[in-house]
Amino acid sequence: MAIALLLVVLASTIGIHLVRVSEPYIHDVLSLRGDSIRGKAIFQINCAGCHGIQADGRVGPSLQNVSKHKSEVGLIQQVISGQTPPMPKFQPSPQEMADLLSYLEKL
């Protein structure tokens, strides 16, 4: 019974991940190579006001090592959803999002 429950949970988790990756915007972002220098500039313009110029937290939480705690898909969803107030909904172009991901991975 426990194994069956574990398999159901695992299958649903994988299914959710596949659905998110299949979304066109996310698929487009993940198909691109990001530039961390451009990503840093995007971060400084759009994110640093709340997360700090060094991404060490202010109004928003610290983003240091964030890529170790959230997947690329999770980070994209966080940025574009606007579901965690006071963070606004933000939808950069796929290339800008790939650049931002590249920068966040280096934090």
C-alpha atoms as a PDB file:
ATOM      1  CA  MET A   1       0.000   0.000   0.000  1.00  0.00           C
ATOM      2  CA  ALA A   2       2.788   2.435   0.930  1.00  0.00           C
ATOM      3  CA  ILE A   3       4.642   1.673  -2.298  1.00  0.00           C
ATOM      4  CA  ALA A   4       1.485   2.257  -4.344  1.00  0.00           C
ATOM      5  CA  LEU A   5       0.929   5.596  -2.608  1.00  0.00           C
ATOM      6  CA  LEU A   6       4.542   6.575  -3.209  1.00  0.00           C
ATOM      7  CA  LEU A   7       4.207   5.714  -6.906  1.00  0.00           C
ATOM      8  CA  VAL A   8       1.029   7.795  -7.217  1.00  0.00           C
ATOM      9  CA  VAL A   9       2.695  10.793  -5.558  1.00  0.00           C
ATOM     10  CA  LEU A  10       5.801  10.408  -7.699  1.00  0.00           C
ATOM     11  CA  ALA A  11       3.778  10.061 -10.902  1.00  0.00           C
ATOM     12  CA  SER A  12       1.691  13.122 -10.129  1.00  0.00           C
ATOM     13  CA  THR A  13       4.799  15.171  -9.299  1.00  0.00           C
ATOM     14  CA  ILE A  14       6.467  14.167 -12.546  1.00  0.00           C
ATOM     15  CA  GLY A  15       3.243  14.857 -14.433  1.00  0.00           C
ATOM     16  CA  ILE A  16       2.987  18.359 -12.994  1.00  0.00           C
ATOM     17  CA  HIS A  17       6.605  19.037 -13.971  1.00  0.00           C
ATOM     18  CA  LEU A  18       5.998  17.793 -17.526  1.00  0.00           C
ATOM     19  CA  VAL A  19       2.909  19.973 -17.891  1.00  0.00           C
ATOM     20  CA  ARG A  20       4.840  23.040 -16.771  1.00  0.00           C
ATOM     21  CA  VAL A  21       7.747  22.325 -19.100  1.00  0.00           C
ATOM     22  CA  SER A  22       5.365  21.825 -21.989  1.00  0.00           C
ATOM     23  CA  GLU A  23       4.006  25.359 -21.618  1.00  0.00           C
ATOM     24  CA  PRO A  24       5.296  27.226 -24.690  1.00  0.00           C
ATOM     25  CA  TYR A  25       6.909  30.126 -22.816  1.00  0.00           C
ATOM     26  CA  ILE A  26       8.782  27.840 -20.428  1.00  0.00           C
ATOM     27  CA  HIS A  27       9.820  25.552 -23.265  1.00  0.00           C
ATOM     28  CA  ASP A  28      11.131  28.566 -25.199  1.00  0.00           C
ATOM     29  CA  VAL A  29      13.110  29.827 -22.183  1.00  0.00           C
ATOM     30  CA  LEU A  30      14.668  26.436 -21.487  1.00  0.00           C
ATOM     31  CA  SER A  31      15.682  26.027 -25.130  1.00  0.00           C
ATOM     32  CA  LEU A  32      17.847  29.165 -24.986  1.00  0.00           C
ATOM     33  CA  ARG A  33      21.297  29.760 -23.600  1.00  0.00           C
ATOM     34  CA  GLY A  34      21.311  32.593 -21.105  1.00  0.00           C
ATOM     35  CA  ASP A  35      23.947  35.255 -20.646  1.00  0.00           C
ATOM     36  CA  SER A  36      24.623  35.952 -16.963  1.00  0.00           C
ATOM     37  CA  ILE A  37      25.977  39.459 -17.642  1.00  0.00           C
ATOM     38  CA  ARG A  38      22.743  40.490 -19.346  1.00  0.00           C
ATOM     39  CA  GLY A  39      20.867  38.612 -16.619  1.00  0.00           C
ATOM     40  CA  LYS A  40      22.584  40.673 -13.943  1.00  0.00           C
ATOM     41  CA  ALA A  41      21.521  43.875 -15.693  1.00  0.00           C
ATOM     42  CA  ILE A  42      17.923  42.613 -15.920  1.00  0.00           C
ATOM     43  CA  PHE A  43      18.074  41.718 -12.230  1.00  0.00           C
ATOM     44  CA  GLN A  44      19.438  45.113 -11.222  1.00  0.00           C
ATOM     45  CA  ILE A  45      16.730  46.961 -13.168  1.00  0.00           C
ATOM     46  CA  ASN A  46      13.750  44.787 -12.212  1.00  0.00           C
ATOM     47  CA  CYS A  47      14.551  42.859  -9.032  1.00  0.00           C
ATOM     48  CA  ALA A  48      17.227  44.582  -6.966  1.00  0.00           C
ATOM     49  CA  GLY A  49      14.791  47.109  -5.490  1.00  0.00           C
ATOM     50  CA  CYS A  50      13.266  44.331  -3.380  1.00  0.00           C
ATOM     51  CA  HIS A  51      15.897  41.579  -3.385  1.00  0.00           C
ATOM     52  CA  GLY A  52      18.925  43.858  -2.947  1.00  0.00           C
ATOM     53  CA  ILE A  53      21.678  44.764  -5.385  1.00  0.00           C
ATOM     54  CA  GLN A  54      23.621  41.689  -4.225  1.00  0.00           C
ATOM     55  CA  ALA A  55      20.424  39.568  -4.134  1.00  0.00           C
ATOM     56  CA  ASP A  56      20.899  39.252  -0.392  1.00  0.00           C
ATOM     57  CA  GLY A  57      17.342  40.235   0.509  1.00  0.00           C
ATOM     58  CA  ARG A  58      15.505  43.425   1.443  1.00  0.00           C
ATOM     59  CA  VAL A  59      11.712  43.481   1.083  1.00  0.00           C
ATOM     60  CA  GLY A  60      11.989  40.256  -0.895  1.00  0.00           C
ATOM     61  CA  PRO A  61      13.990  37.272   0.320  1.00  0.00           C
ATOM     62  CA  SER A  62      17.646  36.621  -0.342  1.00  0.00           C
ATOM     63  CA  LEU A  63      18.205  34.862  -3.645  1.00  0.00           C
ATOM     64  CA  GLN A  64      21.690  33.640  -2.802  1.00  0.00           C
ATOM     65  CA  ASN A  65      21.895  29.958  -3.818  1.00  0.00           C
ATOM     66  CA  VAL A  66      18.281  30.060  -4.998  1.00  0.00           C
ATOM     67  CA  SER A  67      19.002  27.671  -7.886  1.00  0.00           C
ATOM     68  CA  LYS A  68      19.947  25.024  -5.320  1.00  0.00           C
ATOM     69  CA  HIS A  69      16.463  25.260  -3.804  1.00  0.00           C
ATOM     70  CA  LYS A  70      14.285  25.795  -6.876  1.00  0.00           C
ATOM     71  CA  SER A  71      14.357  24.231 -10.311  1.00  0.00           C
ATOM     72  CA  GLU A  72      14.601  26.343 -13.447  1.00  0.00           C
ATOM     73  CA  VAL A  73      10.908  25.709 -14.065  1.00  0.00           C
ATOM     74  CA  GLY A  74      10.113  26.722 -10.496  1.00  0.00           C
ATOM     75  CA  LEU A  75      12.113  29.931 -10.853  1.00  0.00           C
ATOM     76  CA  ILE A  76      10.394  30.803 -14.119  1.00  0.00           C
ATOM     77  CA  GLN A  77       6.967  30.171 -12.567  1.00  0.00           C
ATOM     78  CA  GLN A  78       7.897  32.311  -9.558  1.00  0.00           C
ATOM     79  CA  VAL A  79       8.953  35.239 -11.737  1.00  0.00           C
ATOM     80  CA  ILE A  80       6.046  35.208 -14.179  1.00  0.00           C
ATOM     81  CA  SER A  81       3.161  34.225 -11.887  1.00  0.00           C
ATOM     82  CA  GLY A  82       2.830  37.163  -9.528  1.00  0.00           C
ATOM     83  CA  GLN A  83       1.350  34.683  -7.034  1.00  0.00           C
ATOM     84  CA  THR A  84       3.613  35.647  -4.128  1.00  0.00           C
ATOM     85  CA  PRO A  85       2.794  39.238  -3.195  1.00  0.00           C
ATOM     86  CA  PRO A  86       4.310  41.722  -3.011  1.00  0.00           C
ATOM     87  CA  MET A  87       6.272  40.353  -5.980  1.00  0.00           C
ATOM     88  CA  PRO A  88       4.667  41.695  -9.149  1.00  0.00           C
ATOM     89  CA  LYS A  89       3.873  39.592 -12.185  1.00  0.00           C
ATOM     90  CA  PHE A  90       6.791  39.982 -14.567  1.00  0.00           C
ATOM     91  CA  GLN A  91       7.106  38.339 -17.966  1.00  0.00           C
ATOM     92  CA  PRO A  92      10.367  39.092 -19.674  1.00  0.00           C
ATOM     93  CA  SER A  93      10.992  37.844 -23.179  1.00  0.00           C
ATOM     94  CA  PRO A  94      12.184  34.222 -23.316  1.00  0.00           C
ATOM     95  CA  GLN A  95      15.769  35.398 -23.927  1.00  0.00           C
ATOM     96  CA  GLU A  96      15.631  37.843 -21.020  1.00  0.00           C
ATOM     97  CA  MET A  97      14.283  35.093 -18.757  1.00  0.00           C
ATOM     98  CA  ALA A  98      17.060  32.731 -19.891  1.00  0.00           C
ATOM     99  CA  ASP A  99      19.580  35.471 -19.123  1.00  0.00           C
ATOM    100  CA  LEU A 100      18.039  36.058 -15.688  1.00  0.00           C
ATOM    101  CA  LEU A 101      18.144  32.309 -14.936  1.00  0.00           C
ATOM    102  CA  SER A 102      21.798  32.234 -15.929  1.00  0.00           C
ATOM    103  CA  TYR A 103      22.534  35.041 -13.471  1.00  0.00           C
ATOM    104  CA  LEU A 104      20.498  33.458 -10.661  1.00  0.00           C
ATOM    105  CA  GLU A 105      22.409  30.195 -11.102  1.00  0.00           C
ATOM    106  CA  LYS A 106      25.639  32.047 -10.336  1.00  0.00           C
ATOM    107  CA  LEU A 107      24.404  33.521  -7.052  1.00  0.00           C
END
